[in-house]
Every structure is written in C-alpha cells, then in structure tokens.
Amino acid sequence: MVTPTLTIPQLTIGGRAVAGAGTLPVIDPSTGEPFIEVPAASTAQLDEAVEAANRALPAWKATPLEKRQQVVRDIAEVIKANIDELALLVTMEQGKPLANARGEIGASLRQVDFFGSISLDPEIIKDDETGRVEVRRDPIGVVGAITVWNYPILAAMFKLIPGLVAGNVVIVKPSPYTPVATLRLGELIQDVVPAGVVQVVAGTDELGPALTGHPGVHKISFTGSVPTGKHVMSASASSLKRVTLELGGNDAGIVLDDVDPAAFGKDLFWAAFSNSGQVCAALKRLYVPESKLDAISEALAAEAATVVVGPGLQEGVNAGPVQNKPQLDRVRQLTESALAAGGEAFFTGEVPDGPGYWFPTTIVRGVEEGNPLVDEEPFGPVLPILTYTDLDDAVARANNTDYGLGASVWSPDLDRATAVAERLEAGSVWVNQHPVVTATVPFGGAKQSGIGVEGSLNGLLAYTNIKVLSVKR
C-alpha cells in the first residue's frame, strides 16, 4: 500500500481559492498520524465569506429555478469527473474502504437526481371572483451547512443541493476531523457556480459557534451529536435563525419470534455495523426473543466473522477504523462498562497490529437498560443484544429513550411487523431493513434526535420561507 501524493486544497471564499489564517492537521485514522495540513479559516475570514454570500444572494435568488437546477447538475458532472480523487481523500481522512468511499459519493449524487428536477410551484389556496391567494416559497438567504465526519461528502451534498435549488447561497463548514474532501469539492465546483454562491471554510472549534451566531447567516443546517445540536440551537436563537438539526440516535431493532435467524442474520448485522457502526441511524440496540437468543447471536457472529478490518486503501478490507481518538475512547469506555457489569462479549473480531484507531467488531450479550452501552449512543462497531419474553415490554423498552431517530422491526409477517412498527417512537421506522436514507424520502428525528427533516419535498421546503400573496378582486 503506497501513500499517494496529495495537493493541499484551499478555502473557497468569494469564488477564489484562499489560504487560511492558520492550519489544521488532519489525521489518518488508520495510522493515528496527520497525513496533511489544510488551511484553517479565522473568524475574520468567515466574515469575508458571509459578506461574499450576501453579495451573491440577490442575483442567485433571482435566477430561475430551471437555471439553478442546471447548476446543480453541473456540480454533479464535476463530481463524477473527479470521483477517484474525492474518494481517495474520503478514505484517507475518514478511514472507510475505498469502495465504500466511492459509494458514498455516488449516493450523494442522488440529491441531484431528485432536487434537480423538482418543482416549487405556488400553492393556490383560493381563486374565485373575490380574489386569489397563493402560498409561495422564497429562499431563506445565507445557509450555514455544518457537516459531520462519518459521511463528509454525503452530508455536505444533503445540505448543499436542496439549499441551492431553493435559491439560497451556502457556506459549508466541514468537521475538523474530515475537512479535506469537502474543501477539494469546494475548489472543483467554483467554475460552475457564481462567485459566493458556494463557499467552503474549514477551521478549528471556534469557527462553528462563529458561524451559528453570525448575524449575516439566516439558516443553519447541522448534522452531529445531540449536545452539539443544543449549542447550535442556542447560538442560532440570537437572530432567530431557521434550523435543521439531524442529531444522534440510539436506534432499537425488535426481532419478532417468527424470524428465521439464518435468513435475517446478514441484514441484521450490517444494519448495526455498516461504516464500522458510525452511522447516526444505525441499529444500536437489538431486542430478540429470549428463546432465540443463541440462534440469532450465532447468525450475527457468522456474518461478523467475514469482516476484514484494516486500512481503507488495503485490498480485501471491508471495515475501517473508528474515525477519531475521542470516539474510539468512548466506544472502549461503553464496551468496558458493559463487560464490567457482567456482560458477555459473545463475539470479538480481529484488528490490525500497530497504530491506528482500531476497535474490534464486538457483539455483547447479558446487558440491559441502565447500562451505558444500552442507554447511550456508542457510534462504533459494538452492538448489545437484549432479550424479551413479552412483545409489549420490548416495545416499551425500545421507546424508553430521549432519542428518536430510527427504529426497525424484523419478521416475515409484514402485517404483524408493520403493526409493531406503528407503535415505535422514531422519525423513521423500517421493516426488515435499517437504515434506509434517500433523497426522495424525508429523514429526521423525533424527541432529541433532531428538528426538521432532510430529503424529499419536505426537506427542500425547509430551505424556504412561506410568502402569502393575497389579491382582492
């Protein structure tokens, strides 16, 4: 495995590539060492970006929808032409296997497929001899898009594309853990977007609060943890910014007693362990009938045994490291708390020797509510399996959480599974799958797992303000 030579991407402010006021080292999680230093924007440079965005806004919001959609289609063509470079950067900064990085970028283009052809026609409330009332949708203005480190390009595109189509200008601030591919994306698309319409600024921890509290920013779309989401909401309140918050989850899955473990084992496993468990809506608590505990555990372990953990650029690897050291420490702490309380590590996988943020694929049994591994979101490659003897009890336990992002029910009897799914308290509930997030379907959380949705017409409308036009005849 040869480390490739990389060109350092720059900030994009006002249509230009700009060096930062400082630098930000970015760590390759497979080595635990920095592999590149990228520019870090100062708060003064953020001010410049906000000024450039507000200058660009009037012309962009006046651009017809069809022309805005053509621009986002042009963005997609730029991404397709540079997918190899972008996928490499995602793998090096995030850790996921190269094929998975390409899959992430390919999935991000579905935003363009959907929003690139959607309409925003006025809604006619009244049209008679006395008058006409229309509900129109105006862009909000300058959008601050703050993204997360598990899917850096996908998270950026989930915000960038609907924001642009709705007529907003967008400032993207990637996670300081994974800024490289997003900065490069910002550079690549400057030739197809007007100056100031899309800007990308990376920075250290003070940049996020500066963006969320900036009076020249009119909406924040944030993906990340619940505690940070609360800070974002608080900072946004100073100017009553609109907010979309896609926050964490502790998704429960309930396996019904008619499941064939061998038939469902593979899908159950990857529902929990895709992207090394670093998925906001991954399956994080699995409730199984007590009578089927061993059979389901063995089915999951059989699939777990096929996982090859290693550096994302290495052939044959299908799972990478935990992305950063604080997250690795958290996964370790939660797993150790479960084992110290009497939990059983039913399966523990292999990890590479040497440096890197490695954590083995781990399946834990013999734990229950009250243990941090069950009650909190681990966001890593560990899954607790809990048992139940009464289905009503399992539903109640699944719902007994402050989180409400996703949930799932597993059964060959779709009617029965759907009836259980309707009782689960979450923004998305899936049957025989977990999770499924696409551009065409609204995705967001209940309870403390977020505010608003991304995806679908509902997600697009979140980037607009309602304007009522009422005409008396």
Protein backbone atom coordinates (compact mmCIF):
# COMPACT_ATOMS: atom_id res chain seq x y z
CA MET A 1 0.00 0.00 0.00
CA VAL A 2 1.63 3.23 -1.22
CA THR A 3 0.65 6.58 0.28
CA PRO A 4 -0.38 8.84 -2.59
CA THR A 5 0.94 12.37 -3.14
CA LEU A 6 -1.72 14.91 -2.24
CA THR A 7 -2.34 18.50 -3.25
CA ILE A 8 -3.45 20.65 -0.33
CA PRO A 9 -6.93 22.05 -1.00
CA GLN A 10 -7.68 25.66 -0.08
CA LEU A 11 -10.61 27.52 1.38
CA THR A 12 -13.08 28.92 -1.14
CA ILE A 13 -14.24 32.44 -0.36
CA GLY A 14 -15.93 34.72 -2.86
CA GLY A 15 -15.18 32.40 -5.77
CA ARG A 16 -11.45 32.27 -5.05
CA ALA A 17 -9.09 29.74 -3.50
CA VAL A 18 -7.81 31.29 -0.29
CA ALA A 19 -5.11 30.28 2.15
CA GLY A 20 -6.17 30.07 5.76
CA ALA A 21 -5.08 32.25 8.62
CA GLY A 22 -3.75 29.07 10.19
CA THR A 23 -3.53 25.37 9.50
CA LEU A 24 -5.43 22.31 10.63
CA PRO A 25 -3.69 18.92 10.80
CA VAL A 26 -5.87 16.05 9.61
CA ILE A 27 -5.24 12.58 10.99
CA ASP A 28 -5.44 9.36 9.02
CA PRO A 29 -7.37 7.14 11.47
CA SER A 30 -5.65 4.03 10.15
CA THR A 31 -2.30 5.35 11.42
CA GLY A 32 -3.29 7.82 14.11
CA GLU A 33 -0.92 10.33 12.50
CA PRO A 34 -1.52 13.50 10.46
CA PHE A 35 -1.30 12.95 6.70
CA ILE A 36 -1.97 16.53 5.59
CA GLU A 37 -2.43 20.05 6.94
CA VAL A 38 -5.24 22.08 5.44
CA PRO A 39 -5.97 25.80 5.82
CA ALA A 40 -7.99 26.89 8.82
CA ALA A 41 -10.18 29.96 8.45
CA SER A 42 -10.14 32.71 11.05
CA THR A 43 -13.33 34.37 12.22
CA ALA A 44 -12.31 37.37 10.10
CA GLN A 45 -12.20 35.11 7.04
CA LEU A 46 -15.61 33.75 7.99
CA ASP A 47 -16.84 37.35 8.00
CA GLU A 48 -15.47 37.69 4.46
CA ALA A 49 -17.32 34.56 3.38
CA VAL A 50 -20.58 35.81 4.90
CA GLU A 51 -20.16 39.17 3.17
CA ALA A 52 -19.48 37.42 -0.15
CA ALA A 53 -22.53 35.21 0.35
CA ASN A 54 -24.80 38.19 0.99
CA ARG A 55 -23.44 39.95 -2.10
CA ALA A 56 -24.15 36.88 -4.22
CA LEU A 57 -27.61 36.24 -2.78
CA PRO A 58 -29.79 38.75 -4.72
CA ALA A 59 -28.68 37.54 -8.14
CA TRP A 60 -28.83 33.87 -7.19
CA LYS A 61 -32.31 34.03 -5.64
CA ALA A 62 -33.50 35.86 -8.78
CA THR A 63 -32.11 33.10 -11.00
CA PRO A 64 -34.95 30.97 -12.39
CA LEU A 65 -35.41 27.56 -10.78
CA GLU A 66 -34.54 25.75 -14.01
CA LYS A 67 -31.18 27.53 -14.22
CA ARG A 68 -30.41 26.83 -10.58
CA GLN A 69 -31.15 23.17 -11.25
CA GLN A 70 -28.82 23.21 -14.22
CA VAL A 71 -26.06 24.48 -11.94
CA VAL A 72 -26.56 21.60 -9.52
CA ARG A 73 -26.49 19.18 -12.45
CA ASP A 74 -23.19 20.79 -13.47
CA ILE A 75 -21.92 20.22 -9.93
CA ALA A 76 -22.80 16.53 -10.30
CA GLU A 77 -20.81 16.29 -13.52
CA VAL A 78 -17.78 17.82 -11.83
CA ILE A 79 -18.07 15.28 -9.01
CA LYS A 80 -18.38 12.38 -11.45
CA ALA A 81 -15.27 13.56 -13.29
CA ASN A 82 -13.28 13.73 -10.05
CA ILE A 83 -14.76 10.83 -8.09
CA ASP A 84 -11.47 8.93 -7.87
CA GLU A 85 -9.69 11.85 -6.23
CA LEU A 86 -12.55 12.65 -3.89
CA ALA A 87 -12.99 9.01 -2.85
CA LEU A 88 -9.29 8.75 -2.07
CA LEU A 89 -9.48 11.82 0.17
CA VAL A 90 -12.56 10.48 1.96
CA THR A 91 -10.81 7.18 2.65
CA MET A 92 -7.67 8.83 3.95
CA GLU A 93 -9.46 11.22 6.30
CA GLN A 94 -12.46 9.12 7.33
CA GLY A 95 -10.98 5.62 7.19
CA LYS A 96 -13.67 3.73 5.28
CA PRO A 97 -12.67 1.31 2.49
CA LEU A 98 -12.11 2.97 -0.88
CA ALA A 99 -15.06 1.19 -2.50
CA ASN A 100 -17.31 2.46 0.29
CA ALA A 101 -15.98 5.99 -0.19
CA ARG A 102 -16.88 5.80 -3.87
CA GLY A 103 -20.30 4.50 -2.84
CA GLU A 104 -20.78 7.45 -0.50
CA ILE A 105 -20.02 9.92 -3.28
CA GLY A 106 -22.25 8.08 -5.72
CA ALA A 107 -25.09 8.15 -3.20
CA SER A 108 -24.63 11.89 -2.77
CA LEU A 109 -25.45 12.40 -6.44
CA ARG A 110 -28.97 11.11 -5.86
CA GLN A 111 -29.63 14.52 -4.31
CA VAL A 112 -29.08 15.99 -7.75
CA ASP A 113 -31.24 13.38 -9.47
CA PHE A 114 -34.17 14.31 -7.24
CA PHE A 115 -33.80 18.02 -6.49
CA GLY A 116 -32.50 18.73 -9.98
CA SER A 117 -35.95 18.08 -11.42
CA ILE A 118 -38.36 19.01 -8.62
CA SER A 119 -40.85 21.88 -8.92
CA LEU A 120 -41.67 24.68 -6.50
CA ASP A 121 -44.95 25.85 -7.92
CA PRO A 122 -47.12 28.16 -5.81
CA GLU A 123 -49.92 26.54 -3.84
CA ILE A 124 -53.26 28.06 -4.75
CA ILE A 125 -55.38 28.46 -1.61
CA LYS A 126 -58.15 30.47 -3.24
CA ASP A 127 -59.02 31.59 -6.76
CA ASP A 128 -62.55 32.88 -7.26
CA GLU A 129 -64.44 36.03 -8.13
CA THR A 130 -63.49 37.65 -4.81
CA GLY A 131 -59.73 37.16 -5.08
CA ARG A 132 -56.72 34.93 -5.31
CA VAL A 133 -54.44 33.64 -2.54
CA GLU A 134 -51.13 31.94 -3.31
CA VAL A 135 -48.56 30.41 -0.99
CA ARG A 136 -45.14 30.97 -2.48
CA ARG A 137 -41.75 29.77 -1.33
CA ASP A 138 -38.90 32.25 -1.05
CA PRO A 139 -35.30 31.33 -0.25
CA ILE A 140 -34.24 31.99 3.33
CA GLY A 141 -30.91 33.58 2.41
CA VAL A 142 -27.44 32.57 3.57
CA VAL A 143 -27.29 28.97 4.80
CA GLY A 144 -24.56 27.71 7.10
CA ALA A 145 -24.15 23.98 6.46
CA ILE A 146 -22.22 22.22 9.23
CA THR A 147 -21.35 18.63 8.41
CA VAL A 148 -20.23 15.55 10.28
CA TRP A 149 -17.21 13.28 9.99
CA ASN A 150 -18.76 9.88 9.22
CA TYR A 151 -20.00 10.75 5.70
CA PRO A 152 -18.28 14.03 4.78
CA ILE A 153 -19.31 14.36 1.13
CA LEU A 154 -22.77 12.85 1.54
CA ALA A 155 -23.57 15.14 4.48
CA ALA A 156 -22.41 18.19 2.52
CA MET A 157 -24.49 17.31 -0.53
CA PHE A 158 -27.57 16.62 1.61
CA LYS A 159 -27.47 20.32 2.52
CA LEU A 160 -25.84 21.94 -0.47
CA ILE A 161 -28.12 20.69 -3.24
CA PRO A 162 -31.57 21.48 -1.78
CA GLY A 163 -30.20 24.74 -0.39
CA LEU A 164 -29.08 25.87 -3.84
CA VAL A 165 -32.18 24.66 -5.65
CA ALA A 166 -34.35 26.62 -3.21
CA GLY A 167 -32.42 29.78 -4.13
CA ASN A 168 -30.12 30.11 -1.12
CA VAL A 169 -26.38 30.61 -1.05
CA VAL A 170 -24.44 28.16 1.10
CA ILE A 171 -21.36 28.27 3.31
CA VAL A 172 -20.19 24.74 4.12
CA LYS A 173 -18.16 24.12 7.26
CA PRO A 174 -16.92 20.52 7.37
CA SER A 175 -15.96 18.69 10.53
CA PRO A 176 -12.38 19.50 11.59
CA TYR A 177 -11.80 15.74 11.60
CA THR A 178 -12.69 15.38 7.89
CA PRO A 179 -12.31 18.67 6.01
CA VAL A 180 -10.12 17.57 3.11
CA ALA A 181 -12.54 16.12 0.55
CA THR A 182 -15.10 18.86 1.22
CA LEU A 183 -12.51 21.59 0.72
CA ARG A 184 -11.47 19.95 -2.53
CA LEU A 185 -15.10 19.73 -3.62
CA GLY A 186 -15.44 23.45 -2.97
CA GLU A 187 -12.44 24.15 -5.20
CA LEU A 188 -13.63 21.88 -8.01
CA ILE A 189 -17.08 23.39 -8.38
CA GLN A 190 -16.12 27.07 -8.42
CA ASP A 191 -16.04 27.06 -12.22
CA VAL A 192 -19.72 26.06 -12.40
CA VAL A 193 -21.25 28.22 -9.64
CA PRO A 194 -21.30 32.02 -9.46
CA ALA A 195 -18.80 33.57 -7.06
CA GLY A 196 -20.00 33.50 -3.46
CA VAL A 197 -22.87 31.07 -4.06
CA VAL A 198 -20.96 28.09 -2.62
CA GLN A 199 -18.09 28.60 -0.20
CA VAL A 200 -16.24 26.09 1.96
CA VAL A 201 -14.40 27.12 5.10
CA ALA A 202 -12.66 24.71 7.44
CA GLY A 203 -11.48 25.57 10.90
CA THR A 204 -10.99 24.65 14.50
CA ASP A 205 -13.61 24.55 17.24
CA GLU A 206 -14.27 28.29 17.42
CA LEU A 207 -15.40 28.51 13.80
CA GLY A 208 -18.66 26.61 14.31
CA PRO A 209 -20.06 28.93 17.02
CA ALA A 210 -18.95 31.93 14.96
CA LEU A 211 -20.98 30.62 12.02
CA THR A 212 -24.08 29.68 14.02
CA GLY A 213 -24.12 33.02 15.84
CA HIS A 214 -23.30 35.19 12.82
CA PRO A 215 -25.98 37.83 12.16
CA GLY A 216 -25.38 37.59 8.40
CA VAL A 217 -26.37 33.89 8.30
CA HIS A 218 -30.07 33.14 8.11
CA LYS A 219 -30.33 29.35 8.47
CA ILE A 220 -28.18 26.63 9.97
CA SER A 221 -28.38 23.03 8.80
CA PHE A 222 -26.37 20.87 11.19
CA THR A 223 -25.62 17.17 11.38
CA GLY A 224 -23.93 15.87 14.50
CA SER A 225 -24.37 14.96 18.14
CA VAL A 226 -27.25 15.91 20.39
CA PRO A 227 -25.11 18.00 22.79
CA THR A 228 -23.58 19.99 19.92
CA GLY A 229 -27.00 20.36 18.33
CA LYS A 230 -28.25 22.02 21.50
CA HIS A 231 -25.37 24.50 21.35
CA VAL A 232 -26.16 25.18 17.68
CA MET A 233 -29.79 25.86 18.50
CA SER A 234 -28.86 28.16 21.37
CA ALA A 235 -26.41 30.17 19.27
CA SER A 236 -28.89 30.42 16.41
CA ALA A 237 -31.50 31.91 18.72
CA SER A 238 -29.67 35.24 18.86
CA SER A 239 -31.03 36.13 15.42
CA LEU A 240 -33.89 33.61 15.31
CA LYS A 241 -32.21 31.64 12.54
CA ARG A 242 -34.09 28.78 10.98
CA VAL A 243 -32.51 25.48 11.95
CA THR A 244 -32.50 21.93 10.70
CA LEU A 245 -30.84 19.59 13.18
CA GLU A 246 -30.11 15.97 12.25
CA LEU A 247 -28.79 14.60 15.52
CA GLY A 248 -27.81 11.33 17.11
CA GLY A 249 -29.83 8.20 17.64
CA ASN A 250 -29.90 5.07 19.74
CA ASP A 251 -31.99 3.08 17.33
CA ALA A 252 -33.74 -0.04 18.56
CA GLY A 253 -34.48 -3.06 16.44
CA ILE A 254 -37.06 -5.64 17.54
CA VAL A 255 -36.85 -9.17 16.15
CA LEU A 256 -40.18 -10.99 16.31
CA ASP A 257 -40.45 -14.62 17.33
CA ASP A 258 -41.23 -15.90 13.81
CA VAL A 259 -37.86 -14.87 12.37
CA ASP A 260 -35.51 -17.42 10.84
CA PRO A 261 -32.15 -16.25 12.23
CA ALA A 262 -30.17 -17.68 9.31
CA ALA A 263 -32.33 -15.77 6.83
CA PHE A 264 -32.12 -12.43 8.67
CA GLY A 265 -28.65 -12.60 10.25
CA LYS A 266 -26.70 -10.86 7.49
CA ASP A 267 -29.08 -7.91 7.18
CA LEU A 268 -29.29 -7.52 10.96
CA PHE A 269 -25.53 -7.47 11.24
CA TRP A 270 -24.94 -4.81 8.60
CA ALA A 271 -27.80 -2.71 9.98
CA ALA A 272 -25.59 -2.28 13.04
CA PHE A 273 -22.06 -2.44 11.65
CA SER A 274 -22.11 -0.60 8.32
CA ASN A 275 -19.35 2.05 8.23
CA SER A 276 -17.92 0.39 11.35
CA GLY A 277 -21.07 1.32 13.26
CA GLN A 278 -20.51 5.01 12.59
CA VAL A 279 -23.97 5.79 11.24
CA CYS A 280 -26.38 8.13 13.05
CA ALA A 281 -29.35 5.87 12.29
CA ALA A 282 -27.58 2.54 12.66
CA LEU A 283 -29.17 -0.26 14.66
CA LYS A 284 -27.69 0.24 18.14
CA ARG A 285 -29.90 -1.89 20.43
CA LEU A 286 -31.24 -5.26 19.31
CA TYR A 287 -34.18 -6.84 21.14
CA VAL A 288 -34.64 -10.55 20.44
CA PRO A 289 -36.97 -13.23 21.85
CA GLU A 290 -35.28 -14.97 24.75
CA SER A 291 -35.93 -18.33 23.11
CA LYS A 292 -33.97 -17.27 20.02
CA LEU A 293 -31.04 -15.52 21.69
CA ASP A 294 -28.46 -18.19 20.86
CA ALA A 295 -29.61 -18.72 17.28
CA ILE A 296 -29.69 -15.01 16.47
CA SER A 297 -26.36 -14.39 18.22
CA GLU A 298 -24.76 -17.16 16.19
CA ALA A 299 -26.21 -15.81 12.93
CA LEU A 300 -24.78 -12.37 13.66
CA ALA A 301 -21.45 -13.83 14.68
CA ALA A 302 -21.25 -15.84 11.46
CA GLU A 303 -21.52 -12.63 9.44
CA ALA A 304 -19.16 -10.81 11.80
CA ALA A 305 -16.53 -13.46 11.12
CA THR A 306 -16.45 -12.38 7.46
CA VAL A 307 -15.45 -8.80 8.32
CA VAL A 308 -11.90 -7.79 7.50
CA VAL A 309 -10.90 -4.67 9.43
CA GLY A 310 -8.00 -2.63 8.13
CA PRO A 311 -6.78 0.48 6.31
CA GLY A 312 -9.24 1.63 3.69
CA LEU A 313 -6.66 1.58 0.88
CA GLN A 314 -5.75 -2.05 1.55
CA GLU A 315 -7.17 -4.74 -0.73
CA GLY A 316 -9.76 -7.04 0.79
CA VAL A 317 -10.77 -4.73 3.65
CA ASN A 318 -14.48 -4.17 4.22
CA ALA A 319 -14.41 -2.23 7.51
CA GLY A 320 -12.19 0.62 8.62
CA PRO A 321 -11.13 2.15 11.93
CA VAL A 322 -13.06 4.37 14.28
CA GLN A 323 -12.59 7.82 12.79
CA ASN A 324 -11.05 9.71 15.71
CA LYS A 325 -9.49 9.09 19.08
CA PRO A 326 -12.18 10.68 21.27
CA GLN A 327 -14.75 8.44 19.58
CA LEU A 328 -12.51 5.39 19.98
CA ASP A 329 -12.13 6.16 23.68
CA ARG A 330 -15.90 6.45 24.01
CA VAL A 331 -16.57 3.12 22.30
CA ARG A 332 -14.00 1.46 24.54
CA GLN A 333 -15.46 3.03 27.67
CA LEU A 334 -19.02 1.97 26.87
CA THR A 335 -17.99 -1.57 25.96
CA GLU A 336 -15.85 -1.94 29.07
CA SER A 337 -18.72 -0.67 31.22
CA ALA A 338 -20.94 -3.40 29.82
CA LEU A 339 -18.39 -6.15 30.38
CA ALA A 340 -17.57 -4.91 33.89
CA ALA A 341 -21.27 -5.12 34.73
CA GLY A 342 -21.41 -8.79 33.76
CA GLY A 343 -21.99 -8.54 30.04
CA GLU A 344 -20.61 -11.23 27.74
CA ALA A 345 -18.52 -10.45 24.67
CA PHE A 346 -20.18 -13.10 22.52
CA PHE A 347 -18.05 -12.17 19.51
CA THR A 348 -14.85 -10.16 19.29
CA GLY A 349 -13.19 -9.71 15.91
CA GLU A 350 -9.62 -9.16 14.83
CA VAL A 351 -7.95 -5.78 14.26
CA PRO A 352 -4.59 -4.87 12.74
CA ASP A 353 -1.49 -4.69 14.87
CA GLY A 354 0.17 -1.34 15.31
CA PRO A 355 -1.08 2.25 15.39
CA GLY A 356 -4.48 3.44 14.32
CA TYR A 357 -7.90 3.85 15.89
CA TRP A 358 -8.85 0.19 15.79
CA PHE A 359 -11.72 -1.40 17.64
CA PRO A 360 -12.81 -4.97 17.03
CA THR A 361 -16.24 -5.88 15.76
CA THR A 362 -17.97 -6.72 19.05
CA ILE A 363 -21.30 -8.31 19.95
CA VAL A 364 -22.28 -8.05 23.62
CA ARG A 365 -24.96 -10.07 25.44
CA GLY A 366 -26.23 -10.16 29.00
CA VAL A 367 -26.77 -6.41 29.37
CA GLU A 368 -29.94 -4.44 29.95
CA GLU A 369 -31.27 -0.92 30.29
CA GLY A 370 -29.37 1.11 32.86
CA ASN A 371 -26.04 0.16 31.38
CA PRO A 372 -24.40 2.99 29.38
CA LEU A 373 -23.83 0.74 26.35
CA VAL A 374 -27.60 0.31 26.09
CA ASP A 375 -28.74 3.76 27.16
CA GLU A 376 -26.25 5.87 25.21
CA GLU A 377 -25.15 6.05 21.58
CA PRO A 378 -21.81 4.23 21.09
CA PHE A 379 -21.34 5.21 17.41
CA GLY A 380 -18.86 2.44 16.77
CA PRO A 381 -18.54 -1.27 15.95
CA VAL A 382 -20.30 -2.69 19.01
CA LEU A 383 -23.85 -3.99 19.40
CA PRO A 384 -25.67 -5.02 22.58
CA ILE A 385 -28.27 -7.80 22.23
CA LEU A 386 -31.11 -7.72 24.76
CA THR A 387 -33.85 -10.29 25.30
CA TYR A 388 -37.58 -10.11 25.88
CA THR A 389 -40.38 -12.55 26.63
CA ASP A 390 -43.28 -10.12 26.18
CA LEU A 391 -43.56 -8.06 22.98
CA ASP A 392 -45.35 -5.18 24.69
CA ASP A 393 -42.46 -4.97 27.13
CA ALA A 394 -39.95 -4.88 24.25
CA VAL A 395 -41.82 -2.01 22.59
CA ALA A 396 -41.96 -0.07 25.86
CA ARG A 397 -38.24 -0.58 26.45
CA ALA A 398 -37.39 0.41 22.90
CA ASN A 399 -39.36 3.65 23.31
CA ASN A 400 -37.92 4.48 26.73
CA THR A 401 -35.19 6.82 25.49
CA ASP A 402 -34.60 10.51 24.78
CA TYR A 403 -33.57 9.57 21.25
CA GLY A 404 -35.98 9.07 18.36
CA LEU A 405 -34.09 8.92 15.08
CA GLY A 406 -34.87 5.46 13.71
CA ALA A 407 -36.12 2.02 14.68
CA SER A 408 -36.90 -1.27 12.97
CA VAL A 409 -38.99 -4.44 13.23
CA TRP A 410 -37.94 -7.78 11.74
CA SER A 411 -40.38 -10.52 10.73
CA PRO A 412 -41.51 -12.46 7.65
CA ASP A 413 -45.07 -11.47 8.58
CA LEU A 414 -45.22 -7.95 7.15
CA ASP A 415 -48.64 -7.11 8.58
CA ARG A 416 -47.58 -8.12 12.07
CA ALA A 417 -44.26 -6.29 11.76
CA THR A 418 -45.98 -3.14 10.49
CA ALA A 419 -48.38 -3.19 13.43
CA VAL A 420 -45.41 -3.22 15.81
CA ALA A 421 -43.58 -0.57 13.79
CA GLU A 422 -46.51 1.80 14.18
CA ARG A 423 -46.01 1.70 17.94
CA LEU A 424 -42.35 2.71 17.87
CA GLU A 425 -41.47 6.35 18.57
CA ALA A 426 -38.98 7.45 15.92
CA GLY A 427 -38.73 9.69 12.89
CA SER A 428 -38.24 6.65 10.64
CA VAL A 429 -39.31 3.08 11.32
CA TRP A 430 -38.22 0.36 8.91
CA VAL A 431 -39.43 -3.19 8.45
CA ASN A 432 -36.78 -5.83 7.63
CA GLN A 433 -34.21 -3.12 6.87
CA HIS A 434 -32.28 -0.49 8.82
CA PRO A 435 -31.47 2.25 7.96
CA VAL A 436 -32.67 3.47 4.55
CA VAL A 437 -31.98 7.14 3.81
CA THR A 438 -32.60 8.51 0.31
CA ALA A 439 -33.16 11.88 -1.34
CA THR A 440 -36.81 11.11 -2.06
CA VAL A 441 -37.91 10.24 1.49
CA PRO A 442 -37.98 12.64 4.47
CA PHE A 443 -35.43 11.77 7.15
CA GLY A 444 -35.33 13.36 10.58
CA GLY A 445 -35.68 12.63 14.25
CA ALA A 446 -38.27 12.73 16.97
CA LYS A 447 -37.57 13.64 20.60
CA GLN A 448 -33.96 14.85 21.00
CA SER A 449 -32.78 13.33 17.72
CA GLY A 450 -33.40 16.49 15.76
CA ILE A 451 -35.62 19.19 14.37
CA GLY A 452 -36.92 19.14 10.81
CA VAL A 453 -36.08 16.72 8.03
CA GLU A 454 -33.69 16.30 5.15
CA GLY A 455 -34.65 14.75 1.83
CA SER A 456 -37.92 14.88 -0.15
CA LEU A 457 -40.03 17.94 -0.89
CA ASN A 458 -40.31 18.44 2.88
CA GLY A 459 -36.55 18.79 3.14
CA LEU A 460 -36.47 21.27 0.25
CA LEU A 461 -39.21 23.39 1.81
CA ALA A 462 -37.10 23.64 4.97
CA TYR A 463 -34.79 25.90 2.95
CA THR A 464 -37.63 28.32 2.19
CA ASN A 465 -39.82 30.89 3.88
CA ILE A 466 -43.54 30.99 3.20
CA LYS A 467 -44.77 34.12 1.45
CA VAL A 468 -48.52 34.55 1.05
CA LEU A 469 -49.67 36.64 -1.91
CA SER A 470 -53.28 37.72 -1.45
CA VAL A 471 -55.07 39.70 -4.17
CA LYS A 472 -58.54 41.20 -3.79
CA ARG A 473 -60.63 41.34 -6.94
